[in-house]
Amino acid sequence: MLSNHAKQRLQQRAIHPLLVDLLYRYGREQRQSGSTILFFDKRSRKHVRKALEDVIKRFDKLSDVYLIEANDSSTTVTVGHRLRRFKNK
């Protein structure tokens, strides 16, 4: 379930909704401050490529996305492009 804010950010940041689905299916989860961040790390990118190798040709260019999900409601709060690495805690 996407919040209105997340839907707006998808549109503003030109992130295809398919990438949100892929994040939920293959993305790495990291809990942080009452929310969960899902993002593509090296391992999850490999799984996506293997599963969709014939379908996704430009995946590496598009896979710098992340989403933040509220832990209490599983609502996606926002999405964006990763410009730097997430710190492991």
N, C-alpha and C. Protein backbone atom coordinates (compact mmCIF):
# COMPACT_ATOMS: atom_id res chain seq x y z
N MET A 1 0.85 -1.17 0.00
CA MET A 1 0.00 0.00 0.00
C MET A 1 0.90 1.24 0.00
N LEU A 2 0.70 2.11 -0.94
CA LEU A 2 1.50 3.33 -1.05
C LEU A 2 0.74 4.51 -0.46
N SER A 3 1.46 5.33 0.31
CA SER A 3 0.86 6.56 0.80
C SER A 3 0.73 7.53 -0.37
N ASN A 4 -0.09 8.56 -0.21
CA ASN A 4 -0.21 9.58 -1.24
C ASN A 4 1.13 10.26 -1.49
N HIS A 5 1.91 10.44 -0.43
CA HIS A 5 3.24 11.04 -0.55
C HIS A 5 4.14 10.16 -1.42
N ALA A 6 4.12 8.86 -1.17
CA ALA A 6 4.95 7.93 -1.95
C ALA A 6 4.53 7.92 -3.42
N LYS A 7 3.22 7.94 -3.68
CA LYS A 7 2.74 7.99 -5.07
C LYS A 7 3.22 9.25 -5.77
N GLN A 8 3.18 10.36 -5.05
CA GLN A 8 3.63 11.63 -5.62
C GLN A 8 5.14 11.57 -5.91
N ARG A 9 5.91 11.00 -4.98
CA ARG A 9 7.36 10.92 -5.18
C ARG A 9 7.71 9.98 -6.34
N LEU A 10 6.96 8.89 -6.50
CA LEU A 10 7.18 8.01 -7.65
C LEU A 10 7.08 8.81 -8.95
N GLN A 11 6.05 9.61 -9.05
CA GLN A 11 5.83 10.39 -10.25
C GLN A 11 6.90 11.47 -10.41
N GLN A 12 7.20 12.20 -9.35
CA GLN A 12 8.17 13.28 -9.42
C GLN A 12 9.58 12.78 -9.72
N ARG A 13 9.92 11.61 -9.21
CA ARG A 13 11.27 11.07 -9.36
C ARG A 13 11.40 10.07 -10.49
N ALA A 14 10.35 9.95 -11.28
CA ALA A 14 10.35 9.07 -12.46
C ALA A 14 10.77 7.65 -12.11
N ILE A 15 10.22 7.13 -11.02
CA ILE A 15 10.49 5.75 -10.60
C ILE A 15 9.30 4.91 -11.03
N HIS A 16 9.57 3.93 -11.85
CA HIS A 16 8.50 3.07 -12.36
C HIS A 16 7.95 2.21 -11.23
N PRO A 17 6.63 2.06 -11.14
CA PRO A 17 6.03 1.23 -10.08
C PRO A 17 6.55 -0.21 -10.06
N LEU A 18 7.00 -0.72 -11.20
CA LEU A 18 7.57 -2.07 -11.24
C LEU A 18 8.77 -2.17 -10.29
N LEU A 19 9.54 -1.10 -10.18
CA LEU A 19 10.70 -1.13 -9.28
C LEU A 19 10.28 -1.25 -7.83
N VAL A 20 9.14 -0.66 -7.47
CA VAL A 20 8.62 -0.82 -6.11
C VAL A 20 8.28 -2.29 -5.86
N ASP A 21 7.64 -2.91 -6.84
CA ASP A 21 7.31 -4.34 -6.71
C ASP A 21 8.58 -5.18 -6.57
N LEU A 22 9.60 -4.86 -7.35
CA LEU A 22 10.86 -5.59 -7.26
C LEU A 22 11.54 -5.37 -5.91
N LEU A 23 11.44 -4.15 -5.39
CA LEU A 23 12.00 -3.89 -4.06
C LEU A 23 11.32 -4.76 -3.01
N TYR A 24 10.00 -4.85 -3.08
CA TYR A 24 9.28 -5.69 -2.11
C TYR A 24 9.64 -7.17 -2.28
N ARG A 25 9.85 -7.61 -3.48
CA ARG A 25 10.11 -9.02 -3.73
C ARG A 25 11.57 -9.40 -3.48
N TYR A 26 12.51 -8.56 -3.93
CA TYR A 26 13.93 -8.93 -3.89
C TYR A 26 14.80 -8.01 -3.04
N GLY A 27 14.29 -6.85 -2.64
CA GLY A 27 15.12 -5.86 -1.95
C GLY A 27 15.57 -6.30 -0.57
N ARG A 28 16.70 -5.75 -0.17
CA ARG A 28 17.23 -5.98 1.17
C ARG A 28 16.52 -5.05 2.14
N GLU A 29 16.16 -5.58 3.30
CA GLU A 29 15.46 -4.79 4.33
C GLU A 29 16.45 -4.30 5.37
N GLN A 30 16.26 -3.06 5.78
CA GLN A 30 17.05 -2.51 6.87
C GLN A 30 16.13 -1.69 7.75
N ARG A 31 16.03 -2.05 9.01
CA ARG A 31 15.17 -1.33 9.95
C ARG A 31 15.89 -0.09 10.44
N GLN A 32 15.12 1.00 10.54
CA GLN A 32 15.73 2.26 10.96
C GLN A 32 14.67 3.20 11.51
N SER A 33 14.79 3.60 12.73
CA SER A 33 13.95 4.63 13.37
C SER A 33 12.46 4.41 13.15
N GLY A 34 11.94 3.25 13.46
CA GLY A 34 10.52 3.00 13.36
C GLY A 34 10.02 2.76 11.95
N SER A 35 10.94 2.52 11.01
CA SER A 35 10.54 2.24 9.63
C SER A 35 11.47 1.17 9.07
N THR A 36 11.17 0.71 7.88
CA THR A 36 12.00 -0.27 7.19
C THR A 36 12.37 0.29 5.83
N ILE A 37 13.65 0.27 5.50
CA ILE A 37 14.12 0.70 4.19
C ILE A 37 14.36 -0.55 3.36
N LEU A 38 13.84 -0.58 2.16
CA LEU A 38 14.11 -1.66 1.22
C LEU A 38 14.94 -1.07 0.09
N PHE A 39 16.03 -1.74 -0.27
CA PHE A 39 16.89 -1.24 -1.35
C PHE A 39 17.57 -2.42 -2.02
N PHE A 40 18.13 -2.17 -3.19
CA PHE A 40 18.84 -3.20 -3.93
C PHE A 40 20.31 -3.18 -3.54
N ASP A 41 20.78 -4.27 -2.94
CA ASP A 41 22.21 -4.42 -2.72
C ASP A 41 22.73 -5.37 -3.81
N LYS A 42 24.00 -5.69 -3.75
CA LYS A 42 24.62 -6.52 -4.79
C LYS A 42 23.90 -7.87 -4.94
N ARG A 43 23.58 -8.48 -3.83
CA ARG A 43 22.94 -9.79 -3.85
C ARG A 43 21.52 -9.72 -4.43
N SER A 44 20.74 -8.73 -4.00
CA SER A 44 19.37 -8.63 -4.49
C SER A 44 19.34 -8.26 -5.98
N ARG A 45 20.28 -7.43 -6.43
CA ARG A 45 20.37 -7.11 -7.87
C ARG A 45 20.64 -8.38 -8.67
N LYS A 46 21.49 -9.25 -8.13
CA LYS A 46 21.80 -10.51 -8.81
C LYS A 46 20.55 -11.38 -8.93
N HIS A 47 19.75 -11.44 -7.86
CA HIS A 47 18.51 -12.23 -7.90
C HIS A 47 17.52 -11.67 -8.92
N VAL A 48 17.40 -10.35 -8.96
CA VAL A 48 16.48 -9.74 -9.93
C VAL A 48 16.96 -10.02 -11.35
N ARG A 49 18.26 -9.84 -11.60
CA ARG A 49 18.79 -10.10 -12.94
C ARG A 49 18.53 -11.53 -13.38
N LYS A 50 18.75 -12.47 -12.47
CA LYS A 50 18.54 -13.87 -12.81
C LYS A 50 17.07 -14.15 -13.11
N ALA A 51 16.18 -13.60 -12.29
CA ALA A 51 14.75 -13.84 -12.47
C ALA A 51 14.20 -13.15 -13.71
N LEU A 52 14.75 -12.03 -14.06
CA LEU A 52 14.19 -11.21 -15.15
C LEU A 52 15.20 -10.89 -16.25
N GLU A 53 16.20 -11.73 -16.44
CA GLU A 53 17.30 -11.39 -17.35
C GLU A 53 16.86 -11.03 -18.77
N ASP A 54 15.81 -11.63 -19.25
CA ASP A 54 15.34 -11.33 -20.60
C ASP A 54 14.45 -10.09 -20.65
N VAL A 55 13.91 -9.70 -19.53
CA VAL A 55 12.94 -8.61 -19.50
C VAL A 55 13.58 -7.25 -19.21
N ILE A 56 14.46 -7.23 -18.24
CA ILE A 56 15.03 -5.95 -17.81
C ILE A 56 16.41 -5.77 -18.43
N LYS A 57 16.52 -4.84 -19.35
CA LYS A 57 17.79 -4.58 -20.03
C LYS A 57 18.52 -3.39 -19.43
N ARG A 58 17.78 -2.48 -18.85
CA ARG A 58 18.38 -1.28 -18.29
C ARG A 58 18.34 -1.25 -16.76
N PHE A 59 18.34 -2.41 -16.14
CA PHE A 59 18.15 -2.49 -14.70
C PHE A 59 19.23 -1.75 -13.90
N ASP A 60 20.51 -1.91 -14.27
CA ASP A 60 21.58 -1.27 -13.50
C ASP A 60 21.40 0.24 -13.42
N LYS A 61 20.91 0.84 -14.49
CA LYS A 61 20.70 2.29 -14.50
C LYS A 61 19.55 2.69 -13.58
N LEU A 62 18.57 1.80 -13.43
CA LEU A 62 17.36 2.13 -12.67
C LEU A 62 17.38 1.63 -11.22
N SER A 63 18.35 0.83 -10.84
CA SER A 63 18.29 0.15 -9.55
C SER A 63 18.86 0.95 -8.38
N ASP A 64 19.01 2.23 -8.54
CA ASP A 64 19.51 3.05 -7.44
C ASP A 64 18.36 3.59 -6.58
N VAL A 65 17.24 2.91 -6.60
CA VAL A 65 16.07 3.39 -5.87
C VAL A 65 15.98 2.75 -4.49
N TYR A 66 15.22 3.39 -3.60
CA TYR A 66 14.95 2.87 -2.28
C TYR A 66 13.53 3.25 -1.90
N LEU A 67 13.01 2.60 -0.89
CA LEU A 67 11.73 3.01 -0.32
C LEU A 67 11.81 2.91 1.18
N ILE A 68 11.04 3.71 1.86
CA ILE A 68 10.95 3.69 3.32
C ILE A 68 9.53 3.29 3.68
N GLU A 69 9.44 2.28 4.53
CA GLU A 69 8.16 1.70 4.92
C GLU A 69 8.00 1.83 6.43
N ALA A 70 6.82 2.26 6.87
CA ALA A 70 6.53 2.36 8.30
C ALA A 70 6.37 0.96 8.88
N ASN A 71 7.04 0.69 9.98
CA ASN A 71 6.96 -0.65 10.61
C ASN A 71 5.58 -0.95 11.15
N ASP A 72 4.90 0.05 11.65
CA ASP A 72 3.61 -0.19 12.30
C ASP A 72 2.47 -0.45 11.34
N SER A 73 2.58 0.00 10.09
CA SER A 73 1.44 -0.15 9.18
C SER A 73 1.80 -0.76 7.83
N SER A 74 3.06 -1.05 7.59
CA SER A 74 3.53 -1.56 6.29
C SER A 74 3.14 -0.63 5.15
N THR A 75 2.98 0.65 5.45
CA THR A 75 2.69 1.65 4.43
C THR A 75 4.01 2.21 3.93
N THR A 76 4.14 2.32 2.61
CA THR A 76 5.32 2.94 2.03
C THR A 76 5.20 4.44 2.24
N VAL A 77 6.17 5.01 2.94
CA VAL A 77 6.14 6.42 3.28
C VAL A 77 6.68 7.28 2.14
N THR A 78 7.80 6.84 1.54
CA THR A 78 8.38 7.59 0.43
C THR A 78 9.28 6.68 -0.38
N VAL A 79 9.68 7.14 -1.54
CA VAL A 79 10.62 6.45 -2.42
C VAL A 79 11.58 7.49 -2.98
N GLY A 80 12.74 7.04 -3.42
CA GLY A 80 13.70 7.98 -3.98
C GLY A 80 14.84 7.27 -4.67
N HIS A 81 15.80 8.06 -5.16
CA HIS A 81 17.02 7.54 -5.78
C HIS A 81 18.15 7.60 -4.76
N ARG A 82 18.88 6.50 -4.63
CA ARG A 82 20.02 6.49 -3.71
C ARG A 82 21.18 7.22 -4.35
N LEU A 83 21.69 8.23 -3.67
CA LEU A 83 22.84 8.97 -4.16
C LEU A 83 24.11 8.58 -3.40
N ARG A 84 23.92 7.90 -2.28
CA ARG A 84 25.05 7.39 -1.49
C ARG A 84 24.61 6.11 -0.79
N ARG A 85 25.58 5.39 -0.23
CA ARG A 85 25.30 4.13 0.42
C ARG A 85 24.57 4.36 1.75
N PHE A 86 23.76 3.37 2.14
CA PHE A 86 23.13 3.41 3.46
C PHE A 86 24.15 2.88 4.47
N LYS A 87 24.17 3.49 5.65
CA LYS A 87 25.06 3.04 6.72
C LYS A 87 24.43 1.83 7.40
N ASN A 88 25.22 0.80 7.63
CA ASN A 88 24.74 -0.38 8.37
C ASN A 88 24.74 -0.06 9.85
N LYS A 89 23.67 -0.45 10.51
CA LYS A 89 23.59 -0.22 11.96
C LYS A 89 23.43 -1.51 12.67
